[in-house]
Amino acid sequence: MSRAQSHSCEPARAAPAGTAAPAVPTEAPEATTGRPPELLRLPGGLRLHRRRSAHAPALNRAVRANLEHLRPWMEWAAEAPTRARTAELTRAGTAAWEAGTDFMYLADLDDAPGRVVGAFGLHGRIGPGALEIGYWVAARHVGRGIATAAAGALTEAALALPGIARVEIHCDQANGASAAVPRKLGYRLDRVAEAAARAPGETGRQLVWVMER
């Protein structure tokens, strides 16, 4: 999991990526004039599709079923979200897509359509010309390459957008599974940054991985 995604289940505060705890951007989200594909079909029957309000019940079920799995790395997983809260944040994600600042996706499989196996996002919270990828994968689907395949597809989609020249993935130094994703995709470890530890498993040392056009 990389830094917490804004609008995953809790509001973004001032902000990280991959799937880490919701962070608060230090500056207003940057908008792009382009839009990534709303549906990405990947090998193995994996699909990434734009998250919409109709998906809120399935997303809420998936989050609640994976709280123990998510809690070490995601600040927003400290408490189970209500269905109303997930619906509210899903609507906010829809508005962010329309504004061109954040692009939220859910992952499912052809053999289980509609069952959320992970959540992914492209977030304009790291400054101009860049997007940050956030992600988490359900516990029962870890180890199947879902995060790597999805993050690879989103990296390509992000770098194809007008004005976007850099993609980043942020994760805590202790989160080895999350760090393996950008490493496999050929990202460069740009730096280790000090950050407030907001989730139980975090060390406060954040790995910042970068891919440039």
Protein backbone atom coordinates (compact mmCIF):
# COMPACT_ATOMS: atom_id res chain seq x y z
CA MET A 1 0.00 0.00 0.00
CA SER A 2 1.26 3.39 -0.82
CA ARG A 3 0.43 6.60 0.89
CA ALA A 4 -3.16 7.04 1.84
CA GLN A 5 -5.44 8.11 -0.93
CA SER A 6 -7.50 11.22 -0.63
CA HIS A 7 -11.18 10.34 -0.69
CA SER A 8 -10.46 6.63 -0.16
CA CYS A 9 -12.40 6.52 3.04
CA GLU A 10 -11.40 9.64 4.87
CA PRO A 11 -10.83 13.22 3.84
CA ALA A 12 -7.38 14.15 2.69
CA ARG A 13 -5.53 16.29 5.19
CA ALA A 14 -2.34 17.88 4.10
CA ALA A 15 -0.63 14.97 2.23
CA PRO A 16 1.36 10.84 0.68
CA ALA A 17 0.93 7.74 -2.33
CA GLY A 18 0.81 3.97 -3.23
CA THR A 19 -1.56 3.52 -0.39
CA ALA A 20 -0.61 5.34 2.72
CA ALA A 21 -2.59 7.31 5.24
CA PRO A 22 -4.63 10.19 3.87
CA ALA A 23 -2.34 13.10 3.59
CA VAL A 24 -2.97 16.75 3.31
CA PRO A 25 -1.40 18.39 0.33
CA THR A 26 0.94 21.23 1.16
CA GLU A 27 -0.53 23.18 -1.73
CA ALA A 28 -3.81 23.21 -3.62
CA PRO A 29 -4.23 20.23 -5.96
CA GLU A 30 -3.04 20.88 -9.49
CA ALA A 31 -5.47 20.32 -12.34
CA THR A 32 -4.74 18.81 -15.75
CA THR A 33 -6.80 19.58 -18.82
CA GLY A 34 -6.72 15.95 -19.88
CA ARG A 35 -8.47 12.90 -18.48
CA PRO A 36 -7.16 9.34 -18.19
CA PRO A 37 -9.18 6.39 -19.56
CA GLU A 38 -12.21 5.51 -17.47
CA LEU A 39 -11.61 1.79 -18.02
CA LEU A 40 -8.28 -0.02 -18.18
CA ARG A 41 -8.27 -3.75 -18.99
CA LEU A 42 -5.15 -5.54 -17.78
CA PRO A 43 -3.83 -9.10 -18.14
CA GLY A 44 -5.35 -11.85 -16.01
CA GLY A 45 -8.86 -10.46 -16.20
CA LEU A 46 -8.01 -7.44 -14.04
CA ARG A 47 -9.97 -4.26 -14.69
CA LEU A 48 -9.53 -0.73 -13.40
CA HIS A 49 -12.63 1.39 -13.76
CA ARG A 50 -13.48 4.91 -12.77
CA ARG A 51 -15.01 5.03 -9.30
CA ARG A 52 -18.57 6.34 -9.31
CA SER A 53 -21.26 6.88 -6.69
CA ALA A 54 -22.93 3.58 -7.59
CA HIS A 55 -19.80 1.77 -6.41
CA ALA A 56 -19.95 3.16 -2.86
CA PRO A 57 -21.70 0.14 -1.25
CA ALA A 58 -19.18 -2.34 -2.73
CA LEU A 59 -16.27 -0.11 -1.73
CA ASN A 60 -17.59 0.21 1.81
CA ARG A 61 -17.90 -3.57 2.13
CA ALA A 62 -14.36 -4.07 0.85
CA VAL A 63 -12.86 -1.50 3.21
CA ARG A 64 -14.70 -2.88 6.23
CA ALA A 65 -13.60 -6.42 5.37
CA ASN A 66 -9.95 -5.30 5.13
CA LEU A 67 -9.59 -2.94 8.08
CA GLU A 68 -7.04 -5.09 9.93
CA HIS A 69 -5.02 -5.43 6.73
CA LEU A 70 -5.11 -1.69 6.01
CA ARG A 71 -4.79 -0.27 9.51
CA PRO A 72 -0.96 -0.45 9.87
CA TRP A 73 -0.45 1.86 6.87
CA MET A 74 -3.66 3.83 6.42
CA GLU A 75 -4.66 6.47 8.91
CA TRP A 76 -8.24 6.45 7.69
CA ALA A 77 -8.54 2.72 8.50
CA ALA A 78 -8.48 3.37 12.25
CA GLU A 79 -12.28 3.12 12.29
CA ALA A 80 -14.80 1.42 10.03
CA PRO A 81 -16.41 3.96 7.70
CA THR A 82 -20.18 4.21 7.56
CA ARG A 83 -21.88 3.67 4.23
CA ALA A 84 -22.94 7.31 4.29
CA ARG A 85 -19.33 8.45 4.77
CA THR A 86 -18.08 6.27 1.91
CA ALA A 87 -20.86 7.61 -0.31
CA GLU A 88 -19.93 11.19 0.61
CA LEU A 89 -16.27 10.65 -0.21
CA THR A 90 -17.13 8.86 -3.43
CA ARG A 91 -19.12 11.88 -4.51
CA ALA A 92 -16.14 14.08 -3.66
CA GLY A 93 -13.94 11.82 -5.79
CA THR A 94 -16.35 12.22 -8.70
CA ALA A 95 -16.15 15.99 -8.38
CA ALA A 96 -12.34 15.84 -8.27
CA TRP A 97 -12.29 13.80 -11.49
CA GLU A 98 -14.46 16.39 -13.20
CA ALA A 99 -12.14 19.13 -11.92
CA GLY A 100 -9.08 17.27 -13.24
CA THR A 101 -7.27 17.10 -9.88
CA ASP A 102 -7.77 13.46 -8.80
CA PHE A 103 -8.71 10.31 -10.69
CA MET A 104 -10.04 7.50 -8.52
CA TYR A 105 -10.34 3.87 -9.67
CA LEU A 106 -11.56 0.58 -8.29
CA ALA A 107 -10.18 -2.79 -9.35
CA ASP A 108 -12.22 -5.93 -9.97
CA LEU A 109 -11.79 -9.19 -11.87
CA ASP A 110 -13.68 -10.56 -14.85
CA ASP A 111 -14.63 -13.64 -12.86
CA ALA A 112 -16.05 -11.55 -9.99
CA PRO A 113 -17.38 -8.32 -11.52
CA GLY A 114 -18.34 -5.66 -9.01
CA ARG A 115 -16.37 -7.18 -6.14
CA VAL A 116 -13.73 -4.63 -5.16
CA VAL A 117 -10.24 -6.18 -4.96
CA GLY A 118 -8.38 -2.89 -4.63
CA ALA A 119 -8.54 0.88 -4.93
CA PHE A 120 -6.18 3.12 -6.88
CA GLY A 121 -5.86 6.80 -7.62
CA LEU A 122 -3.92 9.50 -9.43
CA HIS A 123 -3.62 12.54 -7.17
CA GLY A 124 -2.61 16.09 -8.05
CA ARG A 125 -1.31 16.89 -4.56
CA ILE A 126 2.44 17.07 -5.18
CA GLY A 127 2.72 20.23 -7.25
CA PRO A 128 2.58 21.25 -10.91
CA GLY A 129 3.39 18.81 -13.68
CA ALA A 130 3.08 15.72 -11.47
CA LEU A 131 0.64 13.13 -10.17
CA GLU A 132 1.02 10.74 -7.24
CA ILE A 133 -0.29 7.18 -7.39
CA GLY A 134 -2.10 5.80 -4.35
CA TYR A 135 -3.27 2.20 -3.91
CA TRP A 136 -4.37 -0.65 -1.71
CA VAL A 137 -5.20 -4.28 -2.50
CA ALA A 138 -7.54 -6.54 -0.53
CA ALA A 139 -5.77 -9.00 1.74
CA ARG A 140 -6.96 -12.13 -0.07
CA HIS A 141 -5.57 -10.81 -3.37
CA VAL A 142 -2.12 -9.73 -2.18
CA GLY A 143 0.77 -11.43 -3.98
CA ARG A 144 -1.01 -11.72 -7.34
CA GLY A 145 0.70 -8.73 -8.94
CA ILE A 146 -2.45 -6.61 -8.92
CA ALA A 147 -0.81 -3.51 -7.42
CA THR A 148 2.13 -3.69 -9.82
CA ALA A 149 -0.03 -4.19 -12.90
CA ALA A 150 -2.45 -1.43 -11.95
CA ALA A 151 0.26 1.06 -10.93
CA GLY A 152 2.08 0.37 -14.19
CA ALA A 153 -1.05 1.09 -16.22
CA LEU A 154 -1.74 4.26 -14.23
CA THR A 155 1.85 5.43 -14.64
CA GLU A 156 1.48 5.16 -18.40
CA ALA A 157 -1.92 6.86 -18.36
CA ALA A 158 -0.65 9.70 -16.15
CA LEU A 159 2.39 10.43 -18.30
CA ALA A 160 0.15 10.61 -21.38
CA LEU A 161 -1.84 13.49 -19.87
CA PRO A 162 -1.10 17.03 -21.02
CA GLY A 163 1.24 18.89 -18.66
CA ILE A 164 2.19 15.78 -16.64
CA ALA A 165 5.89 14.96 -16.78
CA ARG A 166 6.41 13.14 -13.47
CA VAL A 167 4.66 10.44 -11.45
CA GLU A 168 5.50 9.61 -7.84
CA ILE A 169 4.74 6.80 -5.41
CA HIS A 170 5.26 7.45 -1.69
CA CYS A 171 5.32 4.77 1.00
CA ASP A 172 6.70 4.34 4.47
CA GLN A 173 10.17 2.83 4.71
CA ALA A 174 8.77 -0.10 6.71
CA ASN A 175 6.20 -0.98 4.06
CA GLY A 176 8.26 -3.38 2.00
CA ALA A 177 5.34 -4.74 -0.01
CA SER A 178 4.41 -1.26 -1.20
CA ALA A 179 8.00 -0.32 -2.00
CA ALA A 180 8.32 -3.41 -4.19
CA VAL A 181 5.76 -1.98 -6.62
CA PRO A 182 7.68 1.09 -7.87
CA ARG A 183 10.93 -0.87 -7.75
CA LYS A 184 9.53 -3.52 -10.11
CA LEU A 185 8.19 -0.82 -12.43
CA GLY A 186 11.57 0.88 -12.77
CA TYR A 187 10.86 3.94 -10.65
CA ARG A 188 13.86 5.75 -9.23
CA LEU A 189 14.15 6.17 -5.45
CA ASP A 190 14.51 9.93 -5.34
CA ARG A 191 14.80 10.51 -1.60
CA VAL A 192 13.83 9.46 1.90
CA ALA A 193 11.75 12.22 3.47
CA GLU A 194 10.81 12.81 7.08
CA ALA A 195 7.06 12.67 7.58
CA ALA A 196 4.73 12.47 10.54
CA ALA A 197 3.85 8.85 11.39
CA ARG A 198 0.04 8.78 11.31
CA ALA A 199 -0.63 5.04 11.16
CA PRO A 200 0.57 2.31 13.56
CA GLY A 201 3.06 0.68 11.18
CA GLU A 202 4.71 3.87 9.97
CA THR A 203 8.24 4.94 10.93
CA GLY A 204 8.00 8.55 9.80
CA ARG A 205 10.54 7.95 7.03
CA GLN A 206 8.86 8.11 3.64
CA LEU A 207 10.33 6.67 0.45
CA VAL A 208 9.65 8.90 -2.56
CA TRP A 209 9.82 7.04 -5.86
CA VAL A 210 9.81 8.95 -9.17
CA MET A 211 9.15 8.12 -12.82
CA GLU A 212 9.64 10.87 -15.41
CA ARG A 213 8.54 11.16 -19.00
